[in-house]
Amino acid sequence: MSERPEMFEGVEEVWLDGEFVDFEDAQIHVLTHALHYGTGVFEGVRCYDTDEGPAIFRWEEHLDRFFDSGEVYDLDIPFSRAELTEATEELIRREGLDSCYIRPIAFYGYGPLGLNPEPSPVQVALAVWPWGAYLGDEALEEGVDVAVSSWRKYASSQIPTNAKTTGTYVNSVLASLEAKGNGYEEAIVLNKQGNVAEGPGENIFLVRDGEIYTTGLAESILDGITRQTAIELAEDMGYVVHDDATVSRGELYTADELFFTGTAAEVTPIRSVDDNQIGSGTKGPVTDDIQSAFFEPSASGDREECFRYI
């Protein structure tokens, strides 16, 4: 086995098909169906260190999307929500983590190769590991420089955009590789119509004249759980939120503020797009309000409905 990546250093176990196994033993066959055809669904979930102990953020909503994604591909997850919840909590306890990133994944395993995955068994795994700010601690304060990708987001008439599927993320990989190869920290992807969709792993918000706009579900976006949280927080603070917006590429350049949301990215300001400075070139006041409101309950344990305590 190749050298273990630094982000997984210290991780002892993985939950695989109903059992806790040593990290090094969590392996699958090279003829696994999902490895060849991308036939898997997954989630990314944050567990925060709060005053009340480790707390999983919006776990129920993530489970909903996990099972819904499986339905789209006739992938019947062979464990109940309660079993996955118990396994996740026990894994976090066994790893001794106060905060972590959680990766549930279900996929068609080793079986006959071919486009019909149903003869293959469905396998399920859970892994947890420490993971800080996805785009870097500095990015949360200073913002990131991004570029509009030449790669377009696929339409829901081509591949379901409401499912979080392993194979479709090659679209995000291409956009991210292109951006980083050109010296940017992240990408923005347009949809088939040439309007703004989202980031490779984030939803996007635009602020103009004190009002907030985010691209709607019809714009070929994933219905992000952090996106919905940001909308709720903004509305609670009295902001007008347009959550079904169509945003042109040009509107990005003239925005007062832009920011990403996502489980990994959390709430990250965007300071430039295609080398065009956004606003003051750093985190704007509206972004700061939403970011502060997002992180405050993550530390204090407020907004009880958002957390599952371990």
Protein backbone atom coordinates (compact mmCIF):
# COMPACT_ATOMS: atom_id res chain seq x y z
CA MET A 1 0.00 0.00 0.00
CA SER A 2 1.23 3.51 -0.79
CA GLU A 3 2.17 5.95 1.95
CA ARG A 4 -0.83 7.20 3.90
CA PRO A 5 -1.85 10.82 3.11
CA GLU A 6 -1.20 13.27 5.93
CA MET A 7 -4.92 14.04 6.37
CA PHE A 8 -5.54 10.43 7.42
CA GLU A 9 -2.61 10.18 9.83
CA GLY A 10 -3.78 8.76 13.15
CA VAL A 11 -7.04 7.32 11.82
CA GLU A 12 -7.34 3.81 13.23
CA GLU A 13 -10.56 2.32 11.84
CA VAL A 14 -13.18 2.47 9.12
CA TRP A 15 -16.72 1.07 9.29
CA LEU A 16 -17.25 -1.21 6.29
CA ASP A 17 -20.37 -3.27 5.60
CA GLY A 18 -21.43 -3.42 9.22
CA GLU A 19 -18.04 -3.98 10.84
CA PHE A 20 -15.26 -1.84 12.26
CA VAL A 21 -12.06 -2.73 10.42
CA ASP A 22 -8.47 -1.53 10.68
CA PHE A 23 -7.79 1.43 8.41
CA GLU A 24 -5.29 -0.52 6.33
CA ASP A 25 -7.75 -3.40 5.86
CA ALA A 26 -10.59 -1.26 4.44
CA GLN A 27 -10.14 -2.48 0.88
CA ILE A 28 -12.31 -3.47 -2.09
CA HIS A 29 -11.80 -5.57 -5.23
CA VAL A 30 -10.30 -3.93 -8.34
CA LEU A 31 -13.35 -5.13 -10.32
CA THR A 32 -15.77 -3.26 -8.07
CA HIS A 33 -18.57 -1.93 -10.28
CA ALA A 34 -18.39 1.62 -8.87
CA LEU A 35 -14.67 1.83 -9.60
CA HIS A 36 -15.37 1.30 -13.31
CA TYR A 37 -18.70 3.09 -13.77
CA GLY A 38 -18.96 5.63 -10.94
CA THR A 39 -22.04 3.93 -9.48
CA GLY A 40 -21.95 5.20 -5.92
CA VAL A 41 -23.50 7.89 -3.75
CA PHE A 42 -21.89 9.73 -0.88
CA GLU A 43 -22.16 12.54 1.63
CA GLY A 44 -19.78 14.92 3.36
CA VAL A 45 -20.75 15.89 6.91
CA ARG A 46 -19.10 18.05 9.56
CA CYS A 47 -18.87 17.24 13.25
CA TYR A 48 -18.02 20.32 15.33
CA ASP A 49 -16.37 20.68 18.71
CA THR A 50 -18.98 22.51 20.81
CA ASP A 51 -19.39 23.42 24.46
CA GLU A 52 -21.72 20.43 24.68
CA GLY A 53 -19.22 18.03 23.11
CA PRO A 54 -18.89 16.70 19.55
CA ALA A 55 -21.95 17.61 17.49
CA ILE A 56 -22.81 16.40 13.98
CA PHE A 57 -24.18 19.23 11.84
CA ARG A 58 -27.52 18.57 10.10
CA TRP A 59 -27.07 14.81 10.20
CA GLU A 60 -30.71 14.01 9.45
CA GLU A 61 -30.69 16.20 6.34
CA HIS A 62 -27.51 14.53 5.12
CA LEU A 63 -29.05 11.10 5.68
CA ASP A 64 -32.14 12.19 3.74
CA ARG A 65 -30.02 13.19 0.77
CA PHE A 66 -27.90 10.05 1.05
CA PHE A 67 -30.91 7.76 0.77
CA ASP A 68 -32.58 9.97 -1.85
CA SER A 69 -29.42 9.84 -3.98
CA GLY A 70 -29.45 6.06 -3.77
CA GLU A 71 -33.07 5.93 -4.93
CA VAL A 72 -32.23 7.82 -8.11
CA TYR A 73 -29.83 5.03 -9.10
CA ASP A 74 -31.90 2.10 -7.77
CA LEU A 75 -29.18 1.64 -5.18
CA ASP A 76 -30.85 0.14 -2.11
CA ILE A 77 -28.72 0.96 0.92
CA PRO A 78 -28.77 -2.23 3.05
CA PHE A 79 -28.57 -0.46 6.40
CA SER A 80 -31.18 1.60 8.19
CA ARG A 81 -30.80 5.24 9.13
CA ALA A 82 -30.56 4.18 12.79
CA GLU A 83 -27.78 1.68 12.03
CA LEU A 84 -25.76 4.26 10.10
CA THR A 85 -26.27 6.83 12.86
CA GLU A 86 -25.15 4.42 15.57
CA ALA A 87 -22.13 3.34 13.53
CA THR A 88 -21.09 6.94 12.82
CA GLU A 89 -21.33 8.01 16.44
CA GLU A 90 -19.44 4.93 17.62
CA LEU A 91 -16.72 5.49 15.00
CA ILE A 92 -16.21 9.08 16.16
CA ARG A 93 -15.99 7.88 19.77
CA ARG A 94 -13.54 5.12 18.89
CA GLU A 95 -11.33 7.63 17.04
CA GLY A 96 -11.48 10.02 20.01
CA LEU A 97 -12.31 13.02 17.82
CA ASP A 98 -13.88 16.24 19.10
CA SER A 99 -14.40 17.49 15.54
CA CYS A 100 -14.08 15.77 12.20
CA TYR A 101 -15.27 15.29 8.66
CA ILE A 102 -17.59 12.33 8.06
CA ARG A 103 -17.76 10.46 4.75
CA PRO A 104 -20.65 8.01 4.27
CA ILE A 105 -20.51 6.20 0.91
CA ALA A 106 -22.62 3.47 -0.69
CA PHE A 107 -21.67 1.84 -3.96
CA TYR A 108 -22.20 -1.15 -6.20
CA GLY A 109 -19.43 -3.59 -5.30
CA TYR A 110 -17.70 -6.57 -6.86
CA GLY A 111 -19.92 -8.39 -9.34
CA PRO A 112 -20.39 -8.87 -13.07
CA LEU A 113 -19.09 -5.91 -15.06
CA GLY A 114 -21.50 -4.21 -17.43
CA LEU A 115 -23.80 -1.22 -17.43
CA ASN A 116 -26.46 -2.98 -15.35
CA PRO A 117 -25.18 -2.72 -11.77
CA GLU A 118 -27.98 -4.65 -10.08
CA PRO A 119 -26.25 -8.07 -9.96
CA SER A 120 -23.52 -6.43 -7.85
CA PRO A 121 -23.93 -6.18 -4.07
CA VAL A 122 -24.30 -2.75 -2.49
CA GLN A 123 -21.48 -1.95 -0.09
CA VAL A 124 -21.48 0.83 2.51
CA ALA A 125 -18.60 2.49 4.32
CA LEU A 126 -18.14 5.25 6.88
CA ALA A 127 -14.89 7.09 7.54
CA VAL A 128 -14.05 10.02 9.82
CA TRP A 129 -10.94 12.17 10.04
CA PRO A 130 -9.83 15.60 11.29
CA TRP A 131 -10.24 18.26 8.61
CA GLY A 132 -9.87 22.00 9.02
CA ALA A 133 -10.89 24.74 6.61
CA TYR A 134 -11.25 23.22 3.13
CA LEU A 135 -9.84 26.24 1.27
CA GLY A 136 -7.53 27.23 4.13
CA ASP A 137 -7.92 29.23 7.35
CA GLU A 138 -6.81 32.42 5.60
CA ALA A 139 -9.56 31.98 2.99
CA LEU A 140 -12.27 32.25 5.64
CA GLU A 141 -11.05 35.77 6.47
CA GLU A 142 -9.42 37.08 3.31
CA GLY A 143 -11.44 35.26 0.66
CA VAL A 144 -10.37 33.24 -2.38
CA ASP A 145 -9.46 34.06 -5.96
CA VAL A 146 -11.60 32.07 -8.40
CA ALA A 147 -12.03 31.66 -12.14
CA VAL A 148 -15.01 30.78 -14.30
CA SER A 149 -14.37 27.33 -15.68
CA SER A 150 -14.48 26.36 -19.34
CA TRP A 151 -16.22 23.16 -18.19
CA ARG A 152 -20.03 23.41 -17.94
CA LYS A 153 -22.26 21.81 -15.32
CA TYR A 154 -24.38 19.03 -16.79
CA ALA A 155 -28.15 19.55 -17.00
CA SER A 156 -30.63 17.57 -14.92
CA SER A 157 -32.03 16.18 -18.18
CA GLN A 158 -28.63 14.53 -18.72
CA ILE A 159 -27.70 13.39 -15.22
CA PRO A 160 -29.77 14.00 -12.07
CA THR A 161 -28.37 17.08 -10.33
CA ASN A 162 -30.26 16.39 -7.09
CA ALA A 163 -28.18 13.26 -6.38
CA LYS A 164 -24.69 13.33 -4.88
CA THR A 165 -23.07 10.68 -7.05
CA THR A 166 -19.45 9.56 -7.20
CA GLY A 167 -19.14 9.37 -10.98
CA THR A 168 -20.56 12.80 -11.71
CA TYR A 169 -17.91 14.49 -9.59
CA VAL A 170 -15.44 14.13 -12.45
CA ASN A 171 -17.15 17.32 -13.69
CA SER A 172 -16.06 19.05 -10.49
CA VAL A 173 -12.58 17.51 -10.66
CA LEU A 174 -12.02 18.92 -14.15
CA ALA A 175 -13.15 22.41 -13.12
CA SER A 176 -11.02 22.35 -9.98
CA LEU A 177 -7.92 21.08 -11.80
CA GLU A 178 -8.29 23.78 -14.44
CA ALA A 179 -8.63 26.55 -11.85
CA LYS A 180 -5.68 25.42 -9.74
CA GLY A 181 -3.58 24.84 -12.85
CA ASN A 182 -4.15 28.48 -13.78
CA GLY A 183 -3.23 29.78 -10.34
CA TYR A 184 -6.70 30.17 -8.80
CA GLU A 185 -7.94 28.61 -5.60
CA GLU A 186 -11.32 27.48 -6.88
CA ALA A 187 -13.64 27.55 -9.90
CA ILE A 188 -17.14 28.71 -10.71
CA VAL A 189 -19.06 26.51 -13.13
CA LEU A 190 -21.66 27.76 -15.57
CA ASN A 191 -24.67 25.69 -16.59
CA LYS A 192 -25.70 24.58 -20.07
CA GLN A 193 -27.39 27.95 -20.70
CA GLY A 194 -24.24 29.86 -19.77
CA ASN A 195 -25.57 31.17 -16.47
CA VAL A 196 -23.92 30.64 -13.09
CA ALA A 197 -24.49 27.25 -11.51
CA GLU A 198 -22.15 26.72 -8.54
CA GLY A 199 -18.59 25.90 -7.51
CA PRO A 200 -17.09 22.42 -7.96
CA GLY A 201 -18.06 21.54 -4.40
CA GLU A 202 -19.93 24.63 -3.23
CA ASN A 203 -23.05 26.69 -3.82
CA ILE A 204 -22.59 30.37 -4.57
CA PHE A 205 -24.22 33.52 -3.17
CA LEU A 206 -24.18 37.06 -4.55
CA VAL A 207 -24.85 40.26 -2.58
CA ARG A 208 -26.16 43.35 -4.36
CA ASP A 209 -27.56 46.49 -2.70
CA GLY A 210 -27.92 44.68 0.62
CA GLU A 211 -29.98 41.81 -0.80
CA ILE A 212 -28.78 38.24 -1.24
CA TYR A 213 -29.14 36.10 -4.35
CA THR A 214 -28.33 32.42 -4.79
CA THR A 215 -28.79 30.31 -7.88
CA GLY A 216 -31.99 28.24 -7.88
CA LEU A 217 -32.40 24.50 -8.17
CA ALA A 218 -33.34 24.82 -11.86
CA GLU A 219 -29.84 26.17 -12.57
CA SER A 220 -28.30 22.65 -12.39
CA ILE A 221 -27.09 22.91 -8.79
CA LEU A 222 -26.90 20.47 -5.93
CA ASP A 223 -29.41 21.42 -3.23
CA GLY A 224 -26.76 22.15 -0.64
CA ILE A 225 -27.47 21.66 3.05
CA THR A 226 -25.12 24.49 4.03
CA ARG A 227 -26.80 26.59 1.32
CA GLN A 228 -30.15 26.09 3.03
CA THR A 229 -28.60 26.91 6.39
CA ALA A 230 -27.16 30.18 5.03
CA ILE A 231 -30.57 31.12 3.61
CA GLU A 232 -32.24 30.49 6.97
CA LEU A 233 -29.59 32.45 8.88
CA ALA A 234 -29.80 35.40 6.48
CA GLU A 235 -33.59 35.53 6.68
CA ASP A 236 -33.46 35.31 10.48
CA MET A 237 -31.21 38.40 10.44
CA GLY A 238 -33.68 40.29 8.28
CA TYR A 239 -31.97 40.03 4.91
CA VAL A 240 -34.03 39.65 1.75
CA VAL A 241 -32.94 36.39 0.10
CA HIS A 242 -33.71 35.47 -3.51
CA ASP A 243 -33.11 31.70 -3.44
CA ASP A 244 -34.32 30.97 -6.97
CA ALA A 245 -32.11 33.42 -8.85
CA THR A 246 -30.67 33.23 -12.34
CA VAL A 247 -27.25 34.89 -12.27
CA SER A 248 -25.30 35.78 -15.42
CA ARG A 249 -21.53 35.58 -15.63
CA GLY A 250 -21.30 39.35 -15.91
CA GLU A 251 -23.20 39.85 -12.65
CA LEU A 252 -20.38 38.11 -10.81
CA TYR A 253 -17.96 40.88 -11.75
CA THR A 254 -20.22 43.70 -10.51
CA ALA A 255 -21.40 42.06 -7.28
CA ASP A 256 -20.89 43.86 -4.00
CA GLU A 257 -19.97 40.54 -2.39
CA LEU A 258 -19.74 36.88 -3.34
CA PHE A 259 -19.33 33.84 -1.14
CA PHE A 260 -19.32 30.06 -1.32
CA THR A 261 -21.18 27.72 1.00
CA GLY A 262 -20.67 23.99 1.47
CA THR A 263 -19.99 21.34 4.08
CA ALA A 264 -16.28 21.45 3.30
CA ALA A 265 -16.02 25.15 2.39
CA GLU A 266 -18.46 26.25 5.15
CA VAL A 267 -18.90 30.00 4.40
CA THR A 268 -15.95 31.27 2.34
CA PRO A 269 -15.74 34.78 0.83
CA ILE A 270 -14.75 35.25 -2.81
CA ARG A 271 -12.43 38.22 -3.33
CA SER A 272 -11.95 38.06 -7.10
CA VAL A 273 -13.38 36.37 -10.18
CA ASP A 274 -11.26 36.12 -13.33
CA ASP A 275 -8.91 38.71 -11.76
CA ASN A 276 -11.78 41.16 -11.25
CA GLN A 277 -11.86 42.38 -7.65
CA ILE A 278 -15.17 41.84 -5.88
CA GLY A 279 -16.22 44.74 -3.65
CA SER A 280 -13.36 45.77 -1.40
CA GLY A 281 -11.37 42.67 -2.28
CA THR A 282 -11.91 40.98 1.07
CA LYS A 283 -14.76 39.61 3.18
CA GLY A 284 -17.77 41.92 2.96
CA PRO A 285 -20.14 42.88 5.80
CA VAL A 286 -23.04 40.67 4.70
CA THR A 287 -20.76 37.69 4.23
CA ASP A 288 -19.28 38.41 7.65
CA ASP A 289 -22.75 38.44 9.23
CA ILE A 290 -23.66 35.08 7.74
CA GLN A 291 -20.28 33.52 8.44
CA SER A 292 -20.37 34.68 12.07
CA ALA A 293 -23.90 33.38 12.52
CA PHE A 294 -22.86 30.07 10.98
CA PHE A 295 -19.80 29.51 13.16
CA GLU A 296 -21.19 30.87 16.42
CA PRO A 297 -23.65 28.02 17.02
CA SER A 298 -21.02 25.56 15.85
CA ALA A 299 -18.93 26.61 18.85
CA SER A 300 -21.67 27.25 21.40
CA GLY A 301 -24.12 24.50 20.52
CA ASP A 302 -26.96 26.97 19.92
CA ARG A 303 -29.60 26.15 17.28
CA GLU A 304 -30.19 22.74 18.84
CA GLU A 305 -32.20 21.60 15.83
CA CYS A 306 -29.06 21.69 13.67
CA PHE A 307 -26.93 19.36 15.79
CA ARG A 308 -26.80 15.76 16.91
CA TYR A 309 -24.64 15.48 20.02
CA ILE A 310 -22.40 12.50 20.65
